[in-house]
Amino acid sequence: MFDFLKTETASSTPQQIANSMRWLGWAGFWLQALLGFIPLLVVVTSVLFNPRQRQGGFSFGIFLAIACLVILIFSIYWCFRYTQLANKLVIREIRPAKSQVNRDLKLGLLANLSIMAIAVLIALSRVGELSFKMLTLPQGSTVITPNPTATMVTQGATIAPSTIIAIQAMVNAIAAGLVGAIVAIVLLYQLGQNRND
């Protein structure tokens, strides 16, 4: 079905494109929904349950994370829309023009590239901040953190579990964007193989 290395490929029919759109649309929808769950959970808990956020307002990082999530939700919807577009491609009377399908796929690709770009910017910022904190500690040092019941001696206490979860959320957002981009690129390629308008 997807032979990228073959130089003499046959023209894809609208039914073949519709089957690919249906299958890849559902695969993209579910994969992006699963990968997008952790970033959604992290941003919602960060915005709603972080007392520092309520006092100081939104930081630029939180604004970027919310923008990334909004685009991710749009991309999940757009993958579902591919399945609906596939149903229209099968019926000749309501079949959209090739240029309209091409534009829809390019919009999906642009949305997913935006997700990846924003998530990479956030990840670079967070990982850079974490690296700077770790480099400021003397080598082999022990960090003492006060606890209401007792003083605990821990190594590497500057890395909190919430930091690791936030980094996992950024990786998941990048992966979700990559899934959506691959779906759009494969469908654009197959649409380009169609010789009919």
Protein backbone atom coordinates (compact mmCIF):
# COMPACT_ATOMS: atom_id res chain seq x y z
CA MET A 1 0.00 0.00 0.00
CA PHE A 2 2.78 2.47 0.88
CA ASP A 3 5.82 1.72 -1.25
CA PHE A 4 7.92 4.88 -1.07
CA LEU A 5 10.96 3.46 -2.84
CA LYS A 6 9.19 2.25 -5.97
CA THR A 7 9.72 4.70 -8.83
CA GLU A 8 6.84 3.45 -10.96
CA THR A 9 3.87 3.49 -8.63
CA ALA A 10 0.33 2.99 -9.81
CA SER A 11 -2.19 5.76 -9.37
CA SER A 12 -4.10 5.59 -6.09
CA THR A 13 -7.84 5.43 -6.46
CA PRO A 14 -10.18 7.48 -4.25
CA GLN A 15 -11.27 4.23 -2.57
CA GLN A 16 -7.67 3.36 -1.68
CA ILE A 17 -7.10 6.86 -0.34
CA ALA A 18 -10.36 6.61 1.63
CA ASN A 19 -9.28 3.28 3.16
CA SER A 20 -5.91 4.77 4.13
CA MET A 21 -7.55 7.87 5.55
CA ARG A 22 -9.96 5.80 7.61
CA TRP A 23 -7.29 3.46 8.97
CA LEU A 24 -4.63 6.11 9.58
CA GLY A 25 -7.19 8.61 10.90
CA TRP A 26 -8.32 6.19 13.60
CA ALA A 27 -4.74 5.13 14.40
CA GLY A 28 -3.68 8.78 14.69
CA PHE A 29 -6.75 9.65 16.76
CA TRP A 30 -6.19 6.93 19.36
CA LEU A 31 -2.41 7.27 19.53
CA GLN A 32 -2.58 11.03 19.94
CA ALA A 33 -5.35 10.72 22.53
CA LEU A 34 -3.29 8.23 24.56
CA LEU A 35 -0.06 10.22 24.25
CA GLY A 36 -1.85 13.50 24.97
CA PHE A 37 -3.35 12.31 28.26
CA ILE A 38 -0.21 12.90 30.36
CA PRO A 39 0.47 16.44 29.01
CA LEU A 40 -3.17 17.34 29.57
CA LEU A 41 -3.05 16.02 33.12
CA VAL A 42 0.22 17.84 33.89
CA VAL A 43 -0.97 21.21 32.55
CA VAL A 44 -4.37 21.01 34.26
CA THR A 45 -2.83 20.12 37.64
CA SER A 46 -0.16 22.77 37.20
CA VAL A 47 -2.69 25.48 36.44
CA LEU A 48 -5.39 24.48 38.93
CA PHE A 49 -3.49 23.08 41.89
CA ASN A 50 -0.22 25.02 41.98
CA PRO A 51 -0.57 27.85 44.53
CA ARG A 52 2.38 29.74 43.01
CA GLN A 53 0.55 29.93 39.67
CA ARG A 54 -2.55 31.46 41.24
CA GLN A 55 -0.57 34.20 42.97
CA GLY A 56 1.84 35.18 40.21
CA GLY A 57 -0.34 34.66 37.16
CA PHE A 58 0.61 32.64 34.12
CA SER A 59 4.24 32.31 33.14
CA PHE A 60 5.31 32.20 29.51
CA GLY A 61 6.06 28.48 29.87
CA ILE A 62 2.53 27.73 31.06
CA PHE A 63 1.13 29.85 28.23
CA LEU A 64 3.17 27.82 25.71
CA ALA A 65 2.08 24.55 27.32
CA ILE A 66 -1.59 25.57 27.10
CA ALA A 67 -1.12 26.62 23.46
CA CYS A 68 0.53 23.27 22.73
CA LEU A 69 -2.38 21.43 24.36
CA VAL A 70 -4.98 23.41 22.43
CA ILE A 71 -3.23 22.56 19.17
CA LEU A 72 -2.93 18.91 20.27
CA ILE A 73 -6.68 18.73 20.96
CA PHE A 74 -7.28 20.27 17.52
CA SER A 75 -4.95 17.68 15.98
CA ILE A 76 -6.80 14.83 17.69
CA TYR A 77 -10.05 16.20 16.28
CA TRP A 78 -8.40 16.59 12.86
CA CYS A 79 -7.40 12.90 12.82
CA PHE A 80 -11.03 12.05 13.56
CA ARG A 81 -11.98 14.38 10.71
CA TYR A 82 -9.82 12.29 8.36
CA THR A 83 -12.14 9.35 9.02
CA GLN A 84 -15.17 11.49 8.17
CA LEU A 85 -13.42 12.74 5.03
CA ALA A 86 -12.76 9.11 4.07
CA ASN A 87 -16.51 8.43 4.17
CA LYS A 88 -17.09 11.33 1.75
CA LEU A 89 -14.36 10.13 -0.63
CA VAL A 90 -16.12 6.82 -1.19
CA ILE A 91 -19.36 8.43 -2.44
CA ARG A 92 -18.83 10.10 -5.81
CA GLU A 93 -21.66 12.65 -5.41
CA ILE A 94 -20.29 14.20 -2.21
CA ARG A 95 -16.57 13.62 -2.87
CA PRO A 96 -14.56 16.77 -2.08
CA ALA A 97 -12.07 18.12 -4.59
CA LYS A 98 -8.50 16.89 -4.46
CA SER A 99 -7.34 20.43 -3.63
CA GLN A 100 -9.66 20.54 -0.58
CA VAL A 101 -8.36 17.19 0.71
CA ASN A 102 -4.79 18.36 0.07
CA ARG A 103 -5.45 21.58 2.03
CA ASP A 104 -6.96 19.63 4.95
CA LEU A 105 -3.95 17.31 5.10
CA LYS A 106 -1.53 20.24 4.98
CA LEU A 107 -3.41 21.95 7.83
CA GLY A 108 -3.10 18.75 9.88
CA LEU A 109 0.62 18.59 9.10
CA LEU A 110 1.10 22.24 10.09
CA ALA A 111 -0.75 21.73 13.38
CA ASN A 112 1.40 18.73 14.27
CA LEU A 113 4.64 20.48 13.35
CA SER A 114 3.51 23.34 15.61
CA ILE A 115 2.94 20.89 18.47
CA MET A 116 6.44 19.49 18.08
CA ALA A 117 8.07 22.91 17.80
CA ILE A 118 6.34 24.30 20.90
CA ALA A 119 6.99 21.15 22.93
CA VAL A 120 10.67 21.18 21.94
CA LEU A 121 10.97 24.84 23.02
CA ILE A 122 9.41 24.03 26.39
CA ALA A 123 11.60 20.94 26.79
CA LEU A 124 14.77 22.87 25.96
CA SER A 125 13.84 25.47 28.54
CA ARG A 126 12.98 22.99 31.31
CA VAL A 127 15.89 20.64 30.72
CA GLY A 128 18.28 23.59 30.45
CA GLU A 129 16.99 24.99 33.75
CA LEU A 130 17.34 21.58 35.40
CA SER A 131 20.85 21.12 33.99
CA PHE A 132 21.88 24.53 35.31
CA LYS A 133 20.60 23.63 38.79
CA MET A 134 22.49 20.36 38.72
CA LEU A 135 25.71 22.02 37.53
CA THR A 136 25.61 24.58 40.35
CA LEU A 137 25.75 21.81 42.96
CA PRO A 138 29.26 20.82 44.03
CA GLN A 139 30.27 17.42 42.72
CA GLY A 140 29.31 14.65 45.16
CA SER A 141 27.34 17.02 47.37
CA THR A 142 24.48 15.97 49.59
CA VAL A 143 21.34 18.07 49.72
CA ILE A 144 19.59 18.31 53.08
CA THR A 145 15.88 18.93 52.85
CA PRO A 146 13.89 19.87 55.94
CA ASN A 147 10.85 17.76 56.68
CA PRO A 148 8.17 18.64 59.27
CA THR A 149 8.86 15.40 61.17
CA ALA A 150 12.64 15.12 60.70
CA THR A 151 15.52 16.38 58.61
CA MET A 152 16.24 14.07 55.71
CA VAL A 153 19.55 13.72 53.91
CA THR A 154 18.94 13.01 50.25
CA GLN A 155 21.11 13.07 47.20
CA GLY A 156 19.83 14.83 44.09
CA ALA A 157 16.84 16.40 45.82
CA THR A 158 16.74 19.17 43.22
CA ILE A 159 15.07 16.70 40.85
CA ALA A 160 11.52 16.41 42.08
CA PRO A 161 9.09 13.78 40.81
CA SER A 162 6.97 16.56 39.32
CA THR A 163 9.95 17.63 37.19
CA ILE A 164 10.33 14.14 35.75
CA ILE A 165 6.59 13.94 35.06
CA ALA A 166 6.74 17.32 33.31
CA ILE A 167 9.61 16.11 31.11
CA GLN A 168 7.63 12.93 30.33
CA ALA A 169 4.66 15.12 29.37
CA MET A 170 6.84 17.11 26.96
CA VAL A 171 8.17 13.91 25.38
CA ASN A 172 4.60 12.62 25.03
CA ALA A 173 3.52 15.87 23.35
CA ILE A 174 6.42 15.62 20.89
CA ALA A 175 5.52 11.98 20.19
CA ALA A 176 1.85 12.88 19.65
CA GLY A 177 2.87 15.59 17.19
CA LEU A 178 5.15 13.12 15.42
CA VAL A 179 2.32 10.59 15.07
CA GLY A 180 0.04 13.23 13.57
CA ALA A 181 2.76 14.49 11.23
CA ILE A 182 3.50 10.96 9.99
CA VAL A 183 -0.21 10.34 9.35
CA ALA A 184 -0.52 13.59 7.38
CA ILE A 185 2.69 12.98 5.38
CA VAL A 186 1.70 9.43 4.41
CA LEU A 187 -1.76 10.59 3.35
CA LEU A 188 -0.30 13.53 1.40
CA TYR A 189 2.05 11.13 -0.37
CA GLN A 190 -0.77 8.79 -1.28
CA LEU A 191 -2.94 11.69 -2.42
CA GLY A 192 -0.07 12.84 -4.62
CA GLN A 193 -0.11 9.43 -6.30
CA ASN A 194 -3.71 10.02 -7.42
CA ARG A 195 -3.67 11.24 -11.02
CA ASN A 196 -7.36 12.22 -11.09
CA ASP A 197 -8.87 15.41 -9.63
